[in-house]
Amino acid sequence: MTQHTHTTHPSKEAVRALMERRRTEQSPPPAPERIREQLGWWLIPANKLA
């Protein structure tokens, strides 16, 4: 059985605004753990650490 998830995608304008903000920020990028948390990877059973 195939499991499907419903994801939403931001608009092109929202992505451009985010990329522009990140380009002008002086702070380092977020840690990989923070990115995974923001993306909700922990919701996928295969991505959970044993």
PDB file of N, CA and C in Angstrom:
ATOM      1  N   MET A   1       0.845  -1.185   0.000  1.00  0.00           N
ATOM      2  CA  MET A   1       0.000   0.000   0.000  1.00  0.00           C
ATOM      3  C   MET A   1       0.885   1.241   0.000  1.00  0.00           C
ATOM      4  N   THR A   2       0.594   2.146  -0.876  1.00  0.00           N
ATOM      5  CA  THR A   2       1.359   3.384  -0.976  1.00  0.00           C
ATOM      6  C   THR A   2       0.742   4.438  -0.079  1.00  0.00           C
ATOM      7  N   GLN A   3       1.583   5.089   0.670  1.00  0.00           N
ATOM      8  CA  GLN A   3       1.109   6.133   1.570  1.00  0.00           C
ATOM      9  C   GLN A   3       1.381   7.484   0.925  1.00  0.00           C
ATOM     10  N   HIS A   4       0.353   8.291   0.805  1.00  0.00           N
ATOM     11  CA  HIS A   4       0.495   9.610   0.199  1.00  0.00           C
ATOM     12  C   HIS A   4       0.356  10.674   1.278  1.00  0.00           C
ATOM     13  N   THR A   5       1.149  11.703   1.147  1.00  0.00           N
ATOM     14  CA  THR A   5       1.024  12.841   2.053  1.00  0.00           C
ATOM     15  C   THR A   5       0.604  14.057   1.238  1.00  0.00           C
ATOM     16  N   HIS A   6      -0.073  14.924   1.880  1.00  0.00           N
ATOM     17  CA  HIS A   6      -0.495  16.157   1.226  1.00  0.00           C
ATOM     18  C   HIS A   6       0.391  17.278   1.746  1.00  0.00           C
ATOM     19  N   THR A   7       1.174  17.828   0.858  1.00  0.00           N
ATOM     20  CA  THR A   7       2.042  18.933   1.240  1.00  0.00           C
ATOM     21  C   THR A   7       1.595  20.195   0.523  1.00  0.00           C
ATOM     22  N   THR A   8       1.874  21.301   1.128  1.00  0.00           N
ATOM     23  CA  THR A   8       1.568  22.571   0.491  1.00  0.00           C
ATOM     24  C   THR A   8       2.881  23.228   0.092  1.00  0.00           C
ATOM     25  N   HIS A   9       2.835  23.976  -0.960  1.00  0.00           N
ATOM     26  CA  HIS A   9       4.017  24.657  -1.450  1.00  0.00           C
ATOM     27  C   HIS A   9       3.792  26.164  -1.362  1.00  0.00           C
ATOM     28  N   PRO A  10       4.820  26.898  -0.939  1.00  0.00           N
ATOM     29  CA  PRO A  10       4.668  28.352  -0.876  1.00  0.00           C
ATOM     30  C   PRO A  10       4.625  28.943  -2.284  1.00  0.00           C
ATOM     31  N   SER A  11       4.096  30.135  -2.379  1.00  0.00           N
ATOM     32  CA  SER A  11       4.041  30.809  -3.676  1.00  0.00           C
ATOM     33  C   SER A  11       5.448  31.214  -4.106  1.00  0.00           C
ATOM     34  N   LYS A  12       5.608  31.467  -5.377  1.00  0.00           N
ATOM     35  CA  LYS A  12       6.913  31.907  -5.897  1.00  0.00           C
ATOM     36  C   LYS A  12       7.343  33.202  -5.214  1.00  0.00           C
ATOM     37  N   GLU A  13       6.383  34.079  -4.966  1.00  0.00           N
ATOM     38  CA  GLU A  13       6.706  35.352  -4.326  1.00  0.00           C
ATOM     39  C   GLU A  13       7.218  35.134  -2.909  1.00  0.00           C
ATOM     40  N   ALA A  14       6.582  34.200  -2.175  1.00  0.00           N
ATOM     41  CA  ALA A  14       7.018  33.918  -0.810  1.00  0.00           C
ATOM     42  C   ALA A  14       8.427  33.332  -0.802  1.00  0.00           C
ATOM     43  N   VAL A  15       8.709  32.445  -1.751  1.00  0.00           N
ATOM     44  CA  VAL A  15      10.048  31.848  -1.833  1.00  0.00           C
ATOM     45  C   VAL A  15      11.074  32.921  -2.167  1.00  0.00           C
ATOM     46  N   ARG A  16      10.754  33.776  -3.105  1.00  0.00           N
ATOM     47  CA  ARG A  16      11.688  34.855  -3.480  1.00  0.00           C
ATOM     48  C   ARG A  16      11.954  35.785  -2.303  1.00  0.00           C
ATOM     49  N   ALA A  17      10.897  36.111  -1.541  1.00  0.00           N
ATOM     50  CA  ALA A  17      11.068  36.979  -0.379  1.00  0.00           C
ATOM     51  C   ALA A  17      11.958  36.310   0.666  1.00  0.00           C
ATOM     52  N   LEU A  18      11.732  35.026   0.907  1.00  0.00           N
ATOM     53  CA  LEU A  18      12.553  34.285   1.862  1.00  0.00           C
ATOM     54  C   LEU A  18      14.010  34.243   1.406  1.00  0.00           C
ATOM     55  N   MET A  19      14.237  33.946   0.148  1.00  0.00           N
ATOM     56  CA  MET A  19      15.604  33.873  -0.365  1.00  0.00           C
ATOM     57  C   MET A  19      16.291  35.240  -0.280  1.00  0.00           C
ATOM     58  N   GLU A  20      15.560  36.283  -0.534  1.00  0.00           N
ATOM     59  CA  GLU A  20      16.138  37.633  -0.439  1.00  0.00           C
ATOM     60  C   GLU A  20      16.508  37.955   1.006  1.00  0.00           C
ATOM     61  N   ARG A  21      15.617  37.607   1.960  1.00  0.00           N
ATOM     62  CA  ARG A  21      15.938  37.836   3.368  1.00  0.00           C
ATOM     63  C   ARG A  21      17.171  37.045   3.785  1.00  0.00           C
ATOM     64  N   ARG A  22      17.233  35.787   3.375  1.00  0.00           N
ATOM     65  CA  ARG A  22      18.389  34.956   3.732  1.00  0.00           C
ATOM     66  C   ARG A  22      19.672  35.478   3.106  1.00  0.00           C
ATOM     67  N   ARG A  23      19.574  36.001   1.889  1.00  0.00           N
ATOM     68  CA  ARG A  23      20.756  36.511   1.198  1.00  0.00           C
ATOM     69  C   ARG A  23      21.329  37.724   1.924  1.00  0.00           C
ATOM     70  N   THR A  24      20.455  38.544   2.494  1.00  0.00           N
ATOM     71  CA  THR A  24      20.913  39.767   3.139  1.00  0.00           C
ATOM     72  C   THR A  24      21.233  39.581   4.616  1.00  0.00           C
ATOM     73  N   GLU A  25      20.843  38.426   5.200  1.00  0.00           N
ATOM     74  CA  GLU A  25      21.142  38.180   6.615  1.00  0.00           C
ATOM     75  C   GLU A  25      22.623  37.908   6.808  1.00  0.00           C
ATOM     76  N   GLN A  26      23.107  38.263   7.963  1.00  0.00           N
ATOM     77  CA  GLN A  26      24.491  38.016   8.297  1.00  0.00           C
ATOM     78  C   GLN A  26      24.665  36.790   9.183  1.00  0.00           C
ATOM     79  N   SER A  27      23.561  36.137   9.531  1.00  0.00           N
ATOM     80  CA  SER A  27      23.640  34.990  10.428  1.00  0.00           C
ATOM     81  C   SER A  27      23.924  33.704   9.631  1.00  0.00           C
ATOM     82  N   PRO A  28      24.519  32.719  10.288  1.00  0.00           N
ATOM     83  CA  PRO A  28      24.783  31.452   9.608  1.00  0.00           C
ATOM     84  C   PRO A  28      23.478  30.702   9.354  1.00  0.00           C
ATOM     85  N   PRO A  29      23.486  29.748   8.423  1.00  0.00           N
ATOM     86  CA  PRO A  29      22.267  28.976   8.167  1.00  0.00           C
ATOM     87  C   PRO A  29      21.898  28.125   9.379  1.00  0.00           C
ATOM     88  N   PRO A  30      20.639  27.723   9.481  1.00  0.00           N
ATOM     89  CA  PRO A  30      20.221  26.906  10.628  1.00  0.00           C
ATOM     90  C   PRO A  30      20.906  25.539  10.604  1.00  0.00           C
ATOM     91  N   ALA A  31      20.973  24.916  11.767  1.00  0.00           N
ATOM     92  CA  ALA A  31      21.557  23.586  11.897  1.00  0.00           C
ATOM     93  C   ALA A  31      20.672  22.572  11.179  1.00  0.00           C
ATOM     94  N   PRO A  32      21.260  21.484  10.672  1.00  0.00           N
ATOM     95  CA  PRO A  32      20.461  20.463   9.983  1.00  0.00           C
ATOM     96  C   PRO A  32      19.296  19.940  10.832  1.00  0.00           C
ATOM     97  N   GLU A  33      19.506  19.802  12.146  1.00  0.00           N
ATOM     98  CA  GLU A  33      18.436  19.323  13.012  1.00  0.00           C
ATOM     99  C   GLU A  33      17.253  20.293  13.008  1.00  0.00           C
ATOM    100  N   ARG A  34      17.549  21.583  12.999  1.00  0.00           N
ATOM    101  CA  ARG A  34      16.493  22.609  12.985  1.00  0.00           C
ATOM    102  C   ARG A  34      15.738  22.572  11.660  1.00  0.00           C
ATOM    103  N   ILE A  35      16.452  22.363  10.567  1.00  0.00           N
ATOM    104  CA  ILE A  35      15.811  22.275   9.252  1.00  0.00           C
ATOM    105  C   ILE A  35      14.880  21.071   9.218  1.00  0.00           C
ATOM    106  N   ARG A  36      15.362  19.934   9.704  1.00  0.00           N
ATOM    107  CA  ARG A  36      14.517  18.727   9.739  1.00  0.00           C
ATOM    108  C   ARG A  36      13.270  18.963  10.573  1.00  0.00           C
ATOM    109  N   GLU A  37      13.434  19.644  11.695  1.00  0.00           N
ATOM    110  CA  GLU A  37      12.298  19.948  12.568  1.00  0.00           C
ATOM    111  C   GLU A  37      11.293  20.827  11.845  1.00  0.00           C
ATOM    112  N   GLN A  38      11.773  21.860  11.154  1.00  0.00           N
ATOM    113  CA  GLN A  38      10.886  22.781  10.455  1.00  0.00           C
ATOM    114  C   GLN A  38      10.151  22.096   9.303  1.00  0.00           C
ATOM    115  N   LEU A  39      10.812  21.127   8.671  1.00  0.00           N
ATOM    116  CA  LEU A  39      10.192  20.417   7.567  1.00  0.00           C
ATOM    117  C   LEU A  39       9.241  19.319   8.024  1.00  0.00           C
ATOM    118  N   GLY A  40       9.272  18.992   9.309  1.00  0.00           N
ATOM    119  CA  GLY A  40       8.397  17.968   9.842  1.00  0.00           C
ATOM    120  C   GLY A  40       8.839  16.564   9.492  1.00  0.00           C
ATOM    121  N   TRP A  41      10.130  16.366   9.269  1.00  0.00           N
ATOM    122  CA  TRP A  41      10.627  15.039   8.910  1.00  0.00           C
ATOM    123  C   TRP A  41      10.349  14.021  10.000  1.00  0.00           C
ATOM    124  N   TRP A  42      10.215  14.463  11.230  1.00  0.00           N
ATOM    125  CA  TRP A  42       9.956  13.542  12.327  1.00  0.00           C
ATOM    126  C   TRP A  42       8.594  12.883  12.191  1.00  0.00           C
ATOM    127  N   LEU A  43       7.719  13.403  11.344  1.00  0.00           N
ATOM    128  CA  LEU A  43       6.393  12.817  11.145  1.00  0.00           C
ATOM    129  C   LEU A  43       6.443  11.541  10.313  1.00  0.00           C
ATOM    130  N   ILE A  44       7.511  11.340   9.558  1.00  0.00           N
ATOM    131  CA  ILE A  44       7.659  10.165   8.700  1.00  0.00           C
ATOM    132  C   ILE A  44       8.366   9.078   9.496  1.00  0.00           C
ATOM    133  N   PRO A  45       7.713   7.936   9.704  1.00  0.00           N
ATOM    134  CA  PRO A  45       8.303   6.874  10.524  1.00  0.00           C
ATOM    135  C   PRO A  45       9.710   6.473  10.089  1.00  0.00           C
ATOM    136  N   ALA A  46       9.991   6.444   8.796  1.00  0.00           N
ATOM    137  CA  ALA A  46      11.306   6.030   8.304  1.00  0.00           C
ATOM    138  C   ALA A  46      12.399   7.019   8.703  1.00  0.00           C
ATOM    139  N   ASN A  47      12.047   8.250   9.033  1.00  0.00           N
ATOM    140  CA  ASN A  47      13.035   9.259   9.386  1.00  0.00           C
ATOM    141  C   ASN A  47      13.300   9.338  10.888  1.00  0.00           C
ATOM    142  N   LYS A  48      12.557   8.568  11.667  1.00  0.00           N
ATOM    143  CA  LYS A  48      12.774   8.584  13.123  1.00  0.00           C
ATOM    144  C   LYS A  48      14.018   7.783  13.461  1.00  0.00           C
ATOM    145  N   LEU A  49      14.786   8.289  14.388  1.00  0.00           N
ATOM    146  CA  LEU A  49      15.989   7.591  14.818  1.00  0.00           C
ATOM    147  C   LEU A  49      15.610   6.459  15.765  1.00  0.00           C
ATOM    148  N   ALA A  50      16.272   5.348  15.618  1.00  0.00           N
ATOM    149  CA  ALA A  50      15.976   4.184  16.471  1.00  0.00           C
ATOM    150  C   ALA A  50      16.614   4.355  17.825  1.00  0.00           C
TER     151      ALA A  50
END
